[in-house]
Structures are given as structure tokens and as C-alpha cells.
N, C-alpha and C. Protein backbone atom coordinates (compact mmCIF):
# COMPACT_ATOMS: atom_id res chain seq x y z
N MET A 1 14.95 8.31 -20.21
CA MET A 1 15.97 7.54 -19.97
C MET A 1 16.68 7.05 -21.02
N LYS A 2 17.62 7.13 -21.44
CA LYS A 2 18.22 6.63 -22.56
C LYS A 2 19.11 5.17 -22.17
N ASP A 3 19.67 5.17 -20.89
CA ASP A 3 20.31 4.21 -20.46
C ASP A 3 19.96 3.25 -19.39
N LYS A 4 19.19 2.30 -19.61
CA LYS A 4 18.46 1.51 -18.27
C LYS A 4 19.49 0.73 -17.63
N GLU A 5 20.58 1.01 -18.16
CA GLU A 5 21.40 -0.14 -17.39
C GLU A 5 21.85 0.45 -16.10
N ASN A 6 21.80 2.06 -15.83
CA ASN A 6 22.37 2.58 -15.44
C ASN A 6 21.26 3.08 -14.03
N VAL A 7 19.91 2.57 -14.30
CA VAL A 7 18.74 2.56 -13.24
C VAL A 7 18.28 1.39 -12.68
N THR A 8 17.95 1.11 -11.66
CA THR A 8 17.38 0.04 -11.22
C THR A 8 15.71 0.26 -11.33
N PHE A 9 14.90 -0.90 -11.50
CA PHE A 9 13.70 -0.94 -11.40
C PHE A 9 13.03 0.11 -10.47
N GLU A 10 13.81 -0.10 -8.98
CA GLU A 10 13.06 0.63 -7.97
C GLU A 10 13.12 2.19 -8.16
N GLU A 11 14.18 2.79 -8.88
CA GLU A 11 14.36 4.09 -9.53
C GLU A 11 13.46 4.16 -10.80
N PHE A 12 13.31 3.48 -11.46
CA PHE A 12 12.47 3.46 -12.77
C PHE A 12 11.13 4.04 -11.99
N PHE A 13 10.54 2.79 -11.06
CA PHE A 13 9.38 2.93 -10.67
C PHE A 13 8.92 4.01 -10.13
N LYS A 14 9.51 4.66 -9.23
CA LYS A 14 9.65 6.28 -8.60
C LYS A 14 9.26 6.89 -9.67
N GLN A 15 10.12 6.96 -10.89
CA GLN A 15 9.99 7.78 -11.77
C GLN A 15 8.39 8.05 -12.67
N ASN A 16 8.21 6.78 -12.60
CA ASN A 16 7.10 6.66 -13.66
C ASN A 16 5.83 6.01 -13.02
N ALA A 17 5.70 5.91 -11.80
CA ALA A 17 4.57 5.06 -10.97
C ALA A 17 3.25 6.33 -11.53
N LYS A 18 3.54 7.60 -11.30
CA LYS A 18 2.35 8.44 -11.80
C LYS A 18 1.63 8.34 -13.54
N ARG A 19 2.71 7.68 -13.98
CA ARG A 19 1.91 7.50 -15.01
C ARG A 19 0.82 6.41 -15.20
N ILE A 20 1.00 5.66 -14.35
CA ILE A 20 -0.25 4.37 -14.49
C ILE A 20 -1.49 5.24 -13.73
N HIS A 21 -1.47 6.08 -12.61
CA HIS A 21 -2.53 6.87 -12.35
C HIS A 21 -3.14 8.31 -13.18
N TYR A 22 -2.11 8.13 -14.26
CA TYR A 22 -2.66 9.06 -15.29
C TYR A 22 -3.40 8.60 -16.35
N HIS A 23 -2.74 7.25 -16.82
CA HIS A 23 -3.81 6.52 -17.69
C HIS A 23 -5.32 6.22 -17.30
N MET A 24 -4.98 5.72 -15.87
CA MET A 24 -6.25 5.01 -15.32
C MET A 24 -7.12 6.28 -15.26
N HIS A 25 -6.72 7.65 -14.70
CA HIS A 25 -7.95 8.81 -14.92
C HIS A 25 -8.31 9.13 -16.16
N LYS A 26 -7.21 9.14 -17.23
CA LYS A 26 -7.65 9.46 -18.44
C LYS A 26 -8.53 8.56 -19.20
N LEU A 27 -8.54 6.93 -18.82
CA LEU A 27 -9.61 6.37 -19.19
C LEU A 27 -10.74 6.04 -18.13
N GLY A 28 -10.93 6.68 -17.25
CA GLY A 28 -11.73 6.78 -16.20
C GLY A 28 -11.93 4.94 -15.65
N SER A 29 -10.81 4.43 -15.65
CA SER A 29 -10.36 3.29 -15.12
C SER A 29 -10.36 2.57 -13.84
N TYR A 30 -11.04 3.45 -12.84
CA TYR A 30 -10.43 3.24 -11.54
C TYR A 30 -11.72 1.94 -10.85
N ASN A 31 -11.44 0.82 -10.20
CA ASN A 31 -11.90 0.34 -9.58
C ASN A 31 -11.52 -0.29 -8.45
N PRO A 32 -12.27 -0.84 -7.29
CA PRO A 32 -12.19 -0.95 -6.05
C PRO A 32 -11.13 -2.11 -5.82
N TYR A 33 -11.20 -3.21 -6.69
CA TYR A 33 -9.86 -4.03 -6.82
C TYR A 33 -8.66 -4.01 -7.24
N ARG A 34 -8.51 -2.62 -7.84
CA ARG A 34 -7.33 -2.20 -7.98
C ARG A 34 -6.42 -2.92 -9.57
N GLU A 35 -7.65 -3.32 -9.94
CA GLU A 35 -6.62 -4.49 -11.22
C GLU A 35 -6.38 -3.61 -12.57
N PHE A 36 -6.43 -2.36 -12.71
CA PHE A 36 -6.05 -1.59 -13.46
C PHE A 36 -4.76 -1.10 -12.81
N TYR A 37 -4.41 -0.93 -11.82
CA TYR A 37 -3.60 -0.40 -11.27
C TYR A 37 -2.09 -1.73 -11.29
N VAL A 38 -2.73 -2.62 -10.82
CA VAL A 38 -1.98 -3.99 -10.97
C VAL A 38 -1.56 -4.46 -12.51
N GLU A 39 -2.18 -4.40 -13.40
CA GLU A 39 -1.85 -4.27 -14.89
C GLU A 39 -1.29 -3.43 -15.28
N GLY A 40 -1.13 -2.10 -14.73
CA GLY A 40 -0.48 -0.91 -15.39
C GLY A 40 1.45 -1.30 -14.32
N LEU A 41 1.02 -1.41 -13.68
CA LEU A 41 2.30 -2.02 -12.96
C LEU A 41 3.37 -3.11 -13.66
N TYR A 42 2.57 -3.94 -14.02
CA TYR A 42 2.98 -5.17 -14.50
C TYR A 42 3.56 -4.56 -16.13
N GLU A 43 2.65 -3.74 -16.82
CA GLU A 43 3.17 -3.24 -17.84
C GLU A 43 4.30 -2.20 -17.96
N LEU A 44 4.36 -1.87 -16.83
CA LEU A 44 5.66 -0.75 -16.33
C LEU A 44 6.80 -1.45 -16.03
N TRP A 45 6.68 -2.91 -15.64
CA TRP A 45 7.98 -3.86 -15.46
C TRP A 45 7.98 -4.42 -16.84
N MET A 46 7.15 -4.66 -17.64
CA MET A 46 7.54 -5.38 -18.63
C MET A 46 8.22 -4.17 -19.84
N ALA A 47 7.78 -3.33 -19.79
CA ALA A 47 8.54 -1.92 -20.49
C ALA A 47 9.99 -2.14 -20.19
N TYR A 48 10.38 -1.84 -18.95
CA TYR A 48 11.65 -1.66 -18.41
C TYR A 48 12.53 -2.73 -18.82
N LYS A 49 11.71 -4.43 -18.78
CA LYS A 49 12.82 -5.36 -19.59
C LYS A 49 12.90 -5.74 -20.72
N LYS A 50 11.69 -5.02 -21.49
CA LYS A 50 11.78 -5.34 -23.24
C LYS A 50 12.67 -4.16 -23.85
N TYR A 51 12.74 -2.83 -22.87
CA TYR A 51 13.05 -1.67 -23.63
C TYR A 51 14.31 -2.02 -24.49
N GLU A 52 14.45 -1.34 -25.45
CA GLU A 52 15.38 -1.65 -26.49
C GLU A 52 15.70 -0.01 -26.83
N PRO A 53 17.11 0.60 -26.19
CA PRO A 53 17.31 1.84 -26.66
C PRO A 53 17.38 2.65 -27.46
N ASN A 54 17.62 1.71 -28.54
CA ASN A 54 17.96 2.25 -30.32
C ASN A 54 16.54 2.48 -31.12
N LYS A 55 15.28 2.29 -29.91
CA LYS A 55 14.14 2.30 -30.69
C LYS A 55 13.12 3.44 -30.51
N GLY A 56 14.01 4.37 -29.46
CA GLY A 56 13.31 5.51 -29.03
C GLY A 56 12.99 5.44 -27.42
N PRO A 57 12.52 6.78 -27.12
CA PRO A 57 12.47 6.74 -25.59
C PRO A 57 11.54 5.75 -24.86
N LEU A 58 12.31 5.40 -23.73
CA LEU A 58 11.27 4.60 -22.74
C LEU A 58 9.90 5.09 -22.41
N ALA A 59 9.93 6.25 -21.91
CA ALA A 59 8.58 6.58 -21.80
C ALA A 59 7.41 6.78 -22.52
N THR A 60 7.84 7.02 -24.14
CA THR A 60 6.97 6.69 -24.91
C THR A 60 6.74 5.41 -25.16
N TYR A 61 7.65 4.22 -24.97
CA TYR A 61 6.89 3.07 -25.30
C TYR A 61 6.25 2.66 -24.11
N PHE A 62 6.32 3.05 -22.60
CA PHE A 62 5.88 2.85 -21.77
C PHE A 62 4.27 3.47 -22.06
N ASN A 63 4.16 4.70 -21.94
CA ASN A 63 2.85 5.03 -22.48
C ASN A 63 2.08 4.36 -23.40
N TYR A 64 2.50 3.75 -24.49
CA TYR A 64 1.94 3.39 -25.53
C TYR A 64 1.42 1.89 -24.94
N THR A 65 2.20 1.17 -24.18
CA THR A 65 2.05 -0.05 -23.77
C THR A 65 1.11 -0.01 -22.66
N ILE A 66 0.93 1.08 -21.93
CA ILE A 66 -0.09 0.85 -20.49
C ILE A 66 -1.20 1.37 -21.08
N HIS A 67 -1.24 2.07 -21.80
CA HIS A 67 -2.82 2.97 -22.64
C HIS A 67 -3.19 1.84 -23.77
N LYS A 68 -2.49 1.14 -23.91
CA LYS A 68 -3.10 -0.15 -25.13
C LYS A 68 -3.83 -0.97 -23.83
N ARG A 69 -2.96 -1.47 -23.08
CA ARG A 69 -3.34 -2.44 -22.27
C ARG A 69 -4.77 -2.04 -21.49
N LEU A 70 -4.90 -0.77 -20.99
CA LEU A 70 -5.87 -0.51 -20.02
C LEU A 70 -7.05 -0.29 -20.76
N ILE A 71 -6.80 -0.13 -21.93
CA ILE A 71 -8.15 -0.09 -22.85
C ILE A 71 -8.65 -1.45 -23.21
N ASP A 72 -7.66 -1.97 -23.60
CA ASP A 72 -8.09 -3.58 -23.70
C ASP A 72 -8.98 -4.46 -22.58
N MET A 73 -8.24 -3.90 -21.46
CA MET A 73 -9.12 -4.55 -19.96
C MET A 73 -10.12 -3.59 -19.85
N LYS A 74 -10.43 -2.25 -20.02
CA LYS A 74 -11.80 -1.60 -19.98
C LYS A 74 -12.75 -2.33 -21.21
N ASN A 75 -12.48 -2.19 -22.45
CA ASN A 75 -13.15 -2.99 -23.19
C ASN A 75 -13.74 -4.58 -22.64
N LYS A 76 -13.02 -5.00 -21.90
CA LYS A 76 -13.45 -6.31 -21.51
C LYS A 76 -14.46 -6.39 -20.61
N GLN A 77 -13.88 -5.31 -19.35
CA GLN A 77 -15.07 -5.16 -18.60
C GLN A 77 -16.19 -4.35 -18.80
N ASP A 78 -16.12 -3.54 -19.63
CA ASP A 78 -17.46 -2.94 -20.38
C ASP A 78 -18.38 -4.46 -21.26
N LYS A 79 -17.69 -5.11 -21.47
CA LYS A 79 -18.36 -6.20 -22.25
C LYS A 79 -18.96 -7.19 -21.39
N VAL A 80 -18.58 -7.30 -19.94
CA VAL A 80 -18.96 -7.94 -18.92
C VAL A 80 -20.40 -7.41 -18.34
N THR A 81 -20.17 -5.89 -18.36
CA THR A 81 -21.14 -5.62 -17.48
C THR A 81 -22.29 -5.06 -18.24
N THR A 82 -22.17 -5.33 -19.77
CA THR A 82 -23.24 -5.09 -20.42
C THR A 82 -23.99 -5.95 -20.66
């Protein structure tokens, strides 16, 4: 997606919602309260809002931000449980 002005967040969400599940699965970050999914959804929204087309593809930016955020959450959760 190069021109976000032509795409609503709803369309963007439909196109990218599976990315949240992909990163959760990759990190083994499933939990019963869906905290990781909510954080992923928040990062999706923030990526949509902050995206600057001249800096590269939105998918790359989103993948980076969601992966980083879920790693931070997982590390924090692991510290609490140990």
C-alpha cells in the first residue's frame, strides 16, 4: 500500500489483521485475555496513522512495529511469571 489516503482504516485492517496472528503465533504469544492481540491491533492503528510513504512500504513498517511490541510484551510477561 503506497497511498493510504485512498484506503480507510477498515480496509487496511481487513488486509492486515492476519499479520497480528502471524506474529503472535511466531512468538508463541497466545493468552486467554487476548492482550497480545489488542496490542497488535493498537500497533496496526498506530502504523496506519504514522506511516510516511516516502520511507518505505507500510507492511514493512507494521511488521517491524508489531513484532517489536509483542517481543517487549512477551519479555515483560516472562519476567512476571519467573
